[in-house]
Amino acid sequence: MPPLDWTRRDGLAALVAALGAADCRYVGGCVRDALAGTAARDIDIATRHLPEEVMLRLQSAGIRTIPTGIEHGTITALLTDGPVEVTTLRRDVVTDGRHAVVAFTCDWQEDAARRDFTINALYADPATHEITDYFGGLDDLAAHKVRFIGDAHARIAEDHLRILRFFRFQARFGSEPADAEALAACSQGAPMLMALSRERVGAELTSLLGLADPVATVRLMSACGVLPTILPSAGPTQLDTLVVLVAGERDADVAPDAMRRLVALLPDERQAALQAASRLRLSNAQKKRIACAVEAGDVDGSHPRALAYRLGMQCAVDRLLLCGKSIAPLRNWQAPRLPVGGRDLMALGVDSGPQIARILKTVEQCWIEEGFPDEARTREILAAQLGSGVA
C-alpha cells in the first residue's frame, strides 16, 4: 500500500504503538481506497486484542475511547484528526439477515472470511504497508470487479443489506459486465430487503445516488428486480429523468446531489413522492426539499431567476436540472430585494394595510417580470400602479 496522508494522521502512530504493530492491521475501505488512488474517508483497524484489552491499552496511552460497539468488538479511538474504529478479529456464530452474533478469534483469515466483498477484505501492515489478501481482492480491484467472498447467496443470507452494498460498490469500483453470480444472488434475494429497516435502505440508496455517475448501476438494479422492491415508483420514465439529470449536472459542473437524484426516481405527483420519501424515513428537511423539487413539470426554463426568487436557489436549481434546463443564469447570482416597501406607500398616502399588501404584490410581480430593475424603475412601476404619476 502506498504511504498516504491518512497514514500520518496525528495520533495514529501512538494508537498503533499502543496496540502493537504486530497485533493490528489497517483493513477495509482505507486500504481499498489507497490502492484505488482515492481519498480514504474512514480508518479502520483490526486487532487480535479483545475489546477490553484495547480500551486498557489505549487509555494507558492517553487516547480517549468510546465503546461504540463493544459487544461486536468495536472501540472508537478519538484522535485529533478524526475517529478511528478498532475492532477485534471475529467470526459470525449466528446471522439472521439483519443482525449477527459474533465470537472473537485470533485468526486473520477467519476475520476476512466474514466480510462481504473481496476488495473489502484487504489488510495492510501498519509498519511496512505490506498487503495481506486472502481472497483475490487485489486482482478484483485491478480488474474493477466487485465479487462476494465465497458463496454470494450465503453472504446475502447473512446480511440482506449486502444487496444494496453490492450495487453501491459496483457503481464506485465495478465495470461492466457485473459479476454474474453476484447479480443472480441479488436478484433472488431482493424480497429480503423488505425485512430491513427503512432507514438502512434509505441511507444505502442515497449513498449510491450521491456517487459520480450511478446511472448504469441504477438501471442494473432495475433490471434485476432490486430497485422495484425498494422504490416501486422508479419506472422507465423516472430512469430517463435520472439520465437527463446526471448529464445536466455534469454539463453545468454541479456536484452530484443524492437527494435531487432521488427526486428523479420518485413519482412526479407531490403527495405520492412524499409518501415514498416517508417510507425511506427521510428527514423533514429532506421531505420539504422533495416537495418543492418534485413539481418540476411546469418549468419552461425561460425565467430561471424569477423561479429562484420565488422558490429559493436550491429548489430552482433542482427543478431546472430535473427538466434538463440550463442553470447558467443563476451562477453567481443572488436574489435581490424589492427596492420599495410599505413605508414608501405610506409616504405616498396609502395607509390601509391590506391595500398596501395588494399594491406591493402587484409591483413585485411587474418587477420580477421586468428582470428585477433598479430602484428608479421600480418607483416608476409603483407610480403607475398608484395612477398618481408620482415617482
Protein backbone atom coordinates (compact mmCIF):
# COMPACT_ATOMS: atom_id res chain seq x y z
CA MET A 1 0.00 0.00 0.00
CA PRO A 2 1.43 3.43 -0.90
CA PRO A 3 2.09 5.81 2.03
CA LEU A 4 -0.70 8.40 2.06
CA ASP A 5 -1.58 11.41 4.17
CA TRP A 6 -4.01 9.49 6.34
CA THR A 7 -1.25 7.12 7.47
CA ARG A 8 0.45 10.14 9.03
CA ARG A 9 -2.57 11.48 10.90
CA ASP A 10 -1.85 12.96 14.27
CA GLY A 11 -2.08 10.29 16.96
CA LEU A 12 -2.30 7.31 14.60
CA ALA A 13 1.29 6.21 15.26
CA ALA A 14 0.63 6.33 19.01
CA LEU A 15 -2.52 4.26 18.51
CA VAL A 16 -0.64 1.61 16.53
CA ALA A 17 2.15 1.58 19.12
CA ALA A 18 -0.36 1.08 21.92
CA LEU A 19 -1.89 -1.91 20.15
CA GLY A 20 1.42 -3.24 18.92
CA ALA A 21 2.17 -3.19 15.20
CA ALA A 22 2.34 -6.99 15.13
CA ASP A 23 -1.16 -7.27 16.59
CA CYS A 24 -3.08 -4.83 14.36
CA ARG A 25 -3.60 -4.06 10.70
CA TYR A 26 -5.39 -1.44 8.66
CA VAL A 27 -8.38 -3.04 6.99
CA GLY A 28 -11.26 -2.44 4.64
CA GLY A 29 -12.08 0.84 2.96
CA CYS A 30 -8.94 2.77 3.87
CA VAL A 31 -6.75 0.05 2.32
CA ARG A 32 -9.00 -0.42 -0.70
CA ASP A 33 -9.20 3.31 -1.40
CA ALA A 34 -5.46 3.77 -1.02
CA LEU A 35 -4.86 1.09 -3.63
CA ALA A 36 -7.55 2.57 -5.89
CA GLY A 37 -5.99 6.02 -5.64
CA THR A 38 -8.93 7.69 -3.91
CA ALA A 39 -9.08 9.54 -0.61
CA ALA A 40 -9.89 7.41 2.42
CA ARG A 41 -12.97 8.50 4.33
CA ASP A 42 -12.55 6.43 7.48
CA ILE A 43 -9.74 4.46 9.08
CA ASP A 44 -10.47 1.01 10.43
CA ILE A 45 -8.04 -1.18 12.32
CA ALA A 46 -8.40 -4.89 13.06
CA THR A 47 -6.63 -6.32 16.07
CA ARG A 48 -6.07 -9.60 17.91
CA HIS A 49 -6.73 -7.93 21.26
CA LEU A 50 -10.08 -8.34 22.97
CA PRO A 51 -12.16 -5.15 23.28
CA GLU A 52 -11.46 -4.69 26.99
CA GLU A 53 -7.73 -5.03 26.34
CA VAL A 54 -7.97 -2.49 23.53
CA MET A 55 -9.60 0.04 25.86
CA LEU A 56 -6.99 -0.52 28.57
CA ARG A 57 -4.08 -0.15 26.15
CA LEU A 58 -5.44 3.00 24.53
CA GLN A 59 -6.39 4.63 27.81
CA SER A 60 -2.91 3.88 29.17
CA ALA A 61 -1.51 5.66 26.11
CA GLY A 62 -3.70 8.70 26.81
CA ILE A 63 -6.06 8.02 23.91
CA ARG A 64 -9.76 8.63 24.57
CA THR A 65 -12.08 5.78 23.66
CA ILE A 66 -15.79 5.13 23.23
CA PRO A 67 -17.21 1.57 23.42
CA THR A 68 -19.37 2.19 20.34
CA GLY A 69 -19.98 -1.47 19.53
CA ILE A 70 -18.15 -3.35 22.21
CA GLU A 71 -20.48 -6.36 22.03
CA HIS A 72 -19.35 -6.78 18.42
CA GLY A 73 -15.75 -5.95 19.26
CA THR A 74 -15.60 -2.32 18.14
CA ILE A 75 -13.96 0.50 20.08
CA THR A 76 -13.73 4.04 18.69
CA ALA A 77 -10.46 5.85 19.36
CA LEU A 78 -10.83 9.64 19.36
CA LEU A 79 -7.80 11.14 17.64
CA THR A 80 -7.12 14.78 16.82
CA ASP A 81 -7.69 14.29 13.09
CA GLY A 82 -10.80 12.16 13.48
CA PRO A 83 -12.06 8.90 14.99
CA VAL A 84 -10.56 5.51 14.23
CA GLU A 85 -12.54 2.31 14.72
CA VAL A 86 -10.61 -0.58 16.27
CA THR A 87 -12.31 -3.97 16.00
CA THR A 88 -11.28 -7.32 17.41
CA LEU A 89 -10.92 -10.15 14.90
CA ARG A 90 -14.19 -12.05 14.83
CA ARG A 91 -16.28 -14.70 13.16
CA ASP A 92 -20.04 -14.97 12.81
CA VAL A 93 -21.79 -17.51 15.03
CA VAL A 94 -25.44 -16.75 14.20
CA THR A 95 -26.89 -14.48 11.50
CA ASP A 96 -30.49 -13.74 10.56
CA GLY A 97 -30.07 -11.34 7.65
CA ARG A 98 -30.17 -8.26 9.86
CA HIS A 99 -28.09 -8.97 12.98
CA ALA A 100 -25.15 -11.19 13.82
CA VAL A 101 -23.85 -12.86 16.94
CA VAL A 102 -20.06 -12.93 16.78
CA ALA A 103 -17.24 -14.73 18.54
CA PHE A 104 -13.74 -13.31 18.80
CA THR A 105 -10.80 -15.01 17.15
CA CYS A 106 -7.06 -14.61 16.61
CA ASP A 107 -7.22 -15.82 13.00
CA TRP A 108 -6.85 -13.07 10.40
CA GLN A 109 -8.26 -15.20 7.58
CA GLU A 110 -11.28 -16.17 9.66
CA ASP A 111 -11.97 -12.47 10.16
CA ALA A 112 -11.54 -11.82 6.44
CA ALA A 113 -13.93 -14.63 5.53
CA ARG A 114 -16.87 -12.91 7.26
CA ARG A 115 -16.51 -9.73 5.22
CA ASP A 116 -18.70 -9.00 2.22
CA PHE A 117 -16.53 -8.39 -0.87
CA THR A 118 -13.02 -9.41 -1.80
CA ILE A 119 -11.95 -5.78 -2.27
CA ASN A 120 -13.05 -5.02 1.30
CA ALA A 121 -11.02 -7.86 2.85
CA LEU A 122 -7.57 -6.37 2.30
CA TYR A 123 -5.28 -5.87 5.30
CA ALA A 124 -2.21 -3.64 5.49
CA ASP A 125 0.63 -3.92 7.97
CA PRO A 126 0.82 -0.52 9.73
CA ALA A 127 4.62 -0.64 9.85
CA THR A 128 5.53 -1.92 6.37
CA HIS A 129 2.24 -1.26 4.48
CA GLU A 130 2.51 -4.80 3.11
CA ILE A 131 -0.87 -6.09 1.91
CA THR A 132 -2.42 -9.36 3.03
CA ASP A 133 -5.05 -10.64 0.59
CA TYR A 134 -6.83 -13.94 1.30
CA PHE A 135 -9.50 -13.94 -1.40
CA GLY A 136 -8.11 -12.28 -4.54
CA GLY A 137 -9.19 -8.74 -3.70
CA LEU A 138 -6.11 -7.18 -5.29
CA ASP A 139 -6.83 -8.83 -8.64
CA ASP A 140 -10.51 -7.90 -8.41
CA LEU A 141 -9.67 -4.28 -7.61
CA ALA A 142 -7.33 -4.10 -10.60
CA ALA A 143 -9.97 -5.72 -12.82
CA HIS A 144 -12.76 -3.44 -11.50
CA LYS A 145 -14.69 -6.47 -10.36
CA VAL A 146 -16.97 -6.45 -7.30
CA ARG A 147 -17.26 -10.03 -6.07
CA PHE A 148 -18.66 -11.57 -2.91
CA ILE A 149 -16.33 -13.61 -0.72
CA GLY A 150 -17.32 -17.24 -1.08
CA ASP A 151 -20.92 -18.03 -1.97
CA ALA A 152 -22.86 -14.88 -2.85
CA HIS A 153 -26.19 -16.34 -1.72
CA ALA A 154 -24.72 -17.20 1.68
CA ARG A 155 -23.23 -13.73 2.13
CA ILE A 156 -26.60 -12.14 1.35
CA ALA A 157 -28.46 -14.52 3.66
CA GLU A 158 -26.15 -13.36 6.48
CA ASP A 159 -26.89 -9.69 5.87
CA HIS A 160 -29.58 -8.62 3.39
CA LEU A 161 -28.18 -5.08 3.19
CA ARG A 162 -25.26 -6.52 1.24
CA ILE A 163 -27.52 -6.48 -1.82
CA LEU A 164 -27.56 -2.69 -1.81
CA ARG A 165 -23.91 -2.52 -0.79
CA PHE A 166 -23.04 -4.61 -3.83
CA PHE A 167 -24.61 -2.06 -6.16
CA ARG A 168 -23.00 0.87 -4.35
CA PHE A 169 -19.56 -0.70 -4.71
CA GLN A 170 -20.35 -1.68 -8.28
CA ALA A 171 -21.03 1.99 -9.05
CA ARG A 172 -17.78 3.06 -7.36
CA PHE A 173 -15.34 0.34 -8.37
CA GLY A 174 -17.02 -2.02 -10.81
CA SER A 175 -17.09 -2.25 -14.58
CA GLU A 176 -19.47 -3.94 -16.97
CA PRO A 177 -20.44 -6.66 -17.09
CA ALA A 178 -21.07 -7.03 -13.37
CA ASP A 179 -20.26 -10.32 -11.66
CA ALA A 180 -22.93 -12.79 -12.82
CA GLU A 181 -23.06 -14.79 -9.58
CA ALA A 182 -23.48 -11.62 -7.53
CA LEU A 183 -26.26 -10.34 -9.78
CA ALA A 184 -28.13 -13.63 -9.65
CA ALA A 185 -27.89 -13.72 -5.85
CA CYS A 186 -29.03 -10.11 -5.54
CA SER A 187 -31.98 -10.71 -7.85
CA GLN A 188 -33.05 -13.83 -5.95
CA GLY A 189 -32.58 -12.09 -2.60
CA ALA A 190 -34.37 -8.86 -3.50
CA PRO A 191 -37.53 -9.70 -1.49
CA MET A 192 -35.34 -9.99 1.62
CA LEU A 193 -34.82 -6.22 1.51
CA MET A 194 -38.36 -5.77 2.79
CA ALA A 195 -37.22 -7.12 6.16
CA LEU A 196 -34.66 -4.35 6.63
CA SER A 197 -35.33 -1.07 8.39
CA ARG A 198 -36.33 1.69 6.02
CA GLU A 199 -33.60 3.92 7.48
CA ARG A 200 -30.88 1.48 6.44
CA VAL A 201 -32.35 1.12 2.95
CA GLY A 202 -32.71 4.90 2.56
CA ALA A 203 -29.16 5.55 3.74
CA GLU A 204 -27.69 2.98 1.36
CA LEU A 205 -29.77 4.20 -1.59
CA THR A 206 -28.81 7.86 -1.09
CA SER A 207 -25.14 6.87 -0.72
CA LEU A 208 -25.35 5.17 -4.10
CA LEU A 209 -27.16 8.08 -5.74
CA GLY A 210 -24.53 10.52 -4.47
CA LEU A 211 -21.75 8.86 -6.46
CA ALA A 212 -20.36 10.47 -9.60
CA ASP A 213 -22.48 8.56 -12.13
CA PRO A 214 -24.82 5.89 -10.78
CA VAL A 215 -27.00 5.63 -13.90
CA ALA A 216 -25.70 2.32 -15.25
CA THR A 217 -25.88 0.74 -11.81
CA VAL A 218 -29.40 2.01 -11.14
CA ARG A 219 -30.50 0.53 -14.47
CA LEU A 220 -28.90 -2.75 -13.41
CA MET A 221 -30.80 -2.61 -10.11
CA SER A 222 -34.00 -2.09 -12.05
CA ALA A 223 -33.34 -4.94 -14.46
CA CYS A 224 -32.70 -7.49 -11.71
CA GLY A 225 -35.70 -6.50 -9.59
CA VAL A 226 -33.90 -4.78 -6.73
CA LEU A 227 -34.96 -1.21 -7.48
CA PRO A 228 -38.68 -2.02 -7.83
CA THR A 229 -38.52 -3.72 -4.42
CA ILE A 230 -37.21 -0.67 -2.56
CA LEU A 231 -38.62 2.07 -4.81
CA PRO A 232 -41.64 0.88 -6.81
CA SER A 233 -42.13 4.33 -8.36
CA ALA A 234 -38.85 4.13 -10.31
CA GLY A 235 -40.09 3.08 -13.73
CA PRO A 236 -38.68 3.74 -17.22
CA THR A 237 -39.81 7.39 -17.19
CA GLN A 238 -38.05 8.04 -13.90
CA LEU A 239 -34.88 6.32 -15.11
CA ASP A 240 -34.88 8.56 -18.19
CA THR A 241 -35.23 11.61 -15.92
CA LEU A 242 -32.22 10.43 -13.92
CA VAL A 243 -30.17 10.17 -17.13
CA VAL A 244 -31.09 13.74 -18.08
CA LEU A 245 -30.35 14.99 -14.58
CA VAL A 246 -26.92 13.39 -14.25
CA ALA A 247 -25.93 14.71 -17.69
CA GLY A 248 -27.21 18.18 -16.76
CA GLU A 249 -25.25 18.21 -13.50
CA ARG A 250 -22.12 17.24 -15.37
CA ASP A 251 -22.61 19.86 -18.10
CA ALA A 252 -23.29 22.57 -15.52
CA ASP A 253 -20.31 21.47 -13.39
CA VAL A 254 -22.63 20.91 -10.44
CA ALA A 255 -21.66 18.46 -7.73
CA PRO A 256 -23.63 15.18 -7.64
CA ASP A 257 -26.59 15.51 -5.31
CA ALA A 258 -28.20 12.37 -3.92
CA MET A 259 -31.47 14.00 -2.86
CA ARG A 260 -32.01 15.68 -6.24
CA ARG A 261 -31.34 12.36 -7.95
CA LEU A 262 -33.76 10.61 -5.63
CA VAL A 263 -36.44 13.09 -6.73
CA ALA A 264 -35.83 11.94 -10.32
CA LEU A 265 -36.82 8.41 -9.27
CA LEU A 266 -39.93 9.43 -7.33
CA PRO A 267 -43.47 9.93 -8.66
CA ASP A 268 -43.98 13.34 -10.25
CA GLU A 269 -47.01 13.95 -8.05
CA ARG A 270 -46.27 15.72 -4.78
CA GLN A 271 -48.25 13.57 -2.35
CA ALA A 272 -47.09 10.29 -3.87
CA ALA A 273 -43.48 11.48 -3.77
CA LEU A 274 -43.78 12.43 -0.11
CA GLN A 275 -45.28 9.05 0.73
CA ALA A 276 -42.31 7.35 -0.91
CA ALA A 277 -39.94 9.65 1.00
CA SER A 278 -41.68 8.79 4.26
CA ARG A 279 -41.22 5.09 3.60
CA LEU A 280 -37.49 5.73 3.34
CA ARG A 281 -37.61 7.56 6.69
CA LEU A 282 -36.13 10.75 5.27
CA SER A 283 -35.80 13.81 7.47
CA ASN A 284 -38.35 16.63 7.46
CA ALA A 285 -35.83 18.90 5.74
CA GLN A 286 -35.29 16.31 3.01
CA LYS A 287 -39.03 15.84 2.53
CA LYS A 288 -39.51 19.61 2.30
CA ARG A 289 -36.92 19.77 -0.43
CA ILE A 290 -38.55 16.90 -2.30
CA ALA A 291 -41.96 18.57 -2.05
CA CYS A 292 -40.62 21.67 -3.80
CA ALA A 293 -38.43 19.93 -6.38
CA VAL A 294 -40.87 17.26 -7.49
CA GLU A 295 -43.20 19.73 -9.19
CA ALA A 296 -40.71 20.35 -11.96
CA GLY A 297 -43.10 19.68 -14.80
CA ASP A 298 -44.25 23.30 -15.00
CA VAL A 299 -40.75 24.73 -15.53
CA ASP A 300 -40.07 26.05 -19.03
CA GLY A 301 -36.59 27.36 -18.20
CA SER A 302 -37.20 30.81 -19.68
CA HIS A 303 -37.15 32.69 -16.37
CA PRO A 304 -34.73 30.88 -14.06
CA ARG A 305 -34.06 33.93 -11.89
CA ALA A 306 -37.75 34.52 -11.33
CA LEU A 307 -38.03 30.89 -10.30
CA ALA A 308 -35.11 31.23 -7.87
CA TYR A 309 -36.59 34.41 -6.40
CA ARG A 310 -39.93 32.75 -5.72
CA LEU A 311 -38.78 29.31 -4.60
CA GLY A 312 -35.23 29.79 -3.38
CA MET A 313 -32.00 28.94 -5.16
CA GLN A 314 -31.84 25.27 -4.20
CA CYS A 315 -35.36 24.46 -5.35
CA ALA A 316 -34.91 26.38 -8.58
CA VAL A 317 -31.69 24.53 -9.41
CA ASP A 318 -33.37 21.23 -8.59
CA ARG A 319 -36.36 21.93 -10.83
CA LEU A 320 -34.31 23.24 -13.74
CA LEU A 321 -31.85 20.36 -13.76
CA LEU A 322 -34.62 17.80 -13.40
CA CYS A 323 -36.20 19.26 -16.52
CA GLY A 324 -32.93 19.39 -18.43
CA LYS A 325 -32.87 23.22 -18.41
CA SER A 326 -29.85 25.50 -18.08
CA ILE A 327 -28.92 26.97 -14.72
CA ALA A 328 -26.28 29.29 -16.21
CA PRO A 329 -28.28 32.48 -15.42
CA LEU A 330 -28.20 31.53 -11.73
CA ARG A 331 -24.44 31.17 -11.48
CA ASN A 332 -23.04 33.74 -9.03
CA TRP A 333 -26.48 35.41 -8.86
CA GLN A 334 -28.12 36.44 -5.61
CA ALA A 335 -31.78 37.22 -5.35
CA PRO A 336 -32.28 41.00 -4.86
CA ARG A 337 -34.74 42.66 -2.51
CA LEU A 338 -37.71 44.63 -3.79
CA PRO A 339 -36.45 48.26 -3.70
CA VAL A 340 -39.72 49.65 -2.32
CA GLY A 341 -41.79 48.71 0.70
CA GLY A 342 -44.73 49.60 2.88
CA ARG A 343 -43.15 52.82 4.17
CA ASP A 344 -42.86 54.12 0.62
CA LEU A 345 -46.58 53.57 0.05
CA MET A 346 -47.47 55.18 3.38
CA ALA A 347 -45.38 58.23 2.41
CA LEU A 348 -47.46 58.41 -0.75
CA GLY A 349 -50.68 58.40 1.24
CA VAL A 350 -51.66 54.75 1.26
CA ASP A 351 -52.46 53.86 4.86
CA SER A 352 -54.57 50.71 4.58
CA GLY A 353 -52.62 47.55 5.40
CA PRO A 354 -54.49 45.25 3.02
CA GLN A 355 -54.25 47.86 0.24
CA ILE A 356 -50.50 48.25 0.80
CA ALA A 357 -50.08 44.46 0.58
CA ARG A 358 -52.09 44.26 -2.67
CA ILE A 359 -50.16 47.10 -4.31
CA LEU A 360 -46.78 45.72 -3.26
CA LYS A 361 -47.70 42.31 -4.60
CA THR A 362 -48.62 43.80 -7.98
CA VAL A 363 -45.47 45.95 -8.07
CA GLU A 364 -43.33 42.94 -7.16
CA GLN A 365 -44.89 40.89 -9.94
CA CYS A 366 -44.10 43.59 -12.51
CA TRP A 367 -40.60 43.99 -11.07
CA ILE A 368 -39.95 40.25 -11.44
CA GLU A 369 -41.31 40.15 -14.99
CA GLU A 370 -39.01 43.03 -15.98
CA GLY A 371 -35.97 41.18 -14.66
CA PHE A 372 -35.52 42.95 -11.31
CA PRO A 373 -34.85 46.55 -12.46
CA ASP A 374 -33.21 49.17 -10.23
CA GLU A 375 -34.93 51.37 -7.67
CA ALA A 376 -35.66 54.21 -10.09
CA ARG A 377 -37.52 51.96 -12.49
CA THR A 378 -39.29 50.22 -9.59
CA ARG A 379 -40.62 53.55 -8.35
CA GLU A 380 -41.94 54.23 -11.84
CA ILE A 381 -43.77 50.90 -11.67
CA LEU A 382 -45.15 51.89 -8.26
CA ALA A 383 -46.28 55.28 -9.54
CA ALA A 384 -48.03 53.65 -12.47
CA GLN A 385 -49.87 51.34 -10.11
CA LEU A 386 -50.99 54.21 -7.93
CA GLY A 387 -52.10 56.12 -11.00
CA SER A 388 -50.69 59.31 -9.48
CA GLY A 389 -47.70 59.93 -11.67
CA VAL A 390 -45.54 60.35 -8.53
CA ALA A 391 -42.08 58.85 -8.86
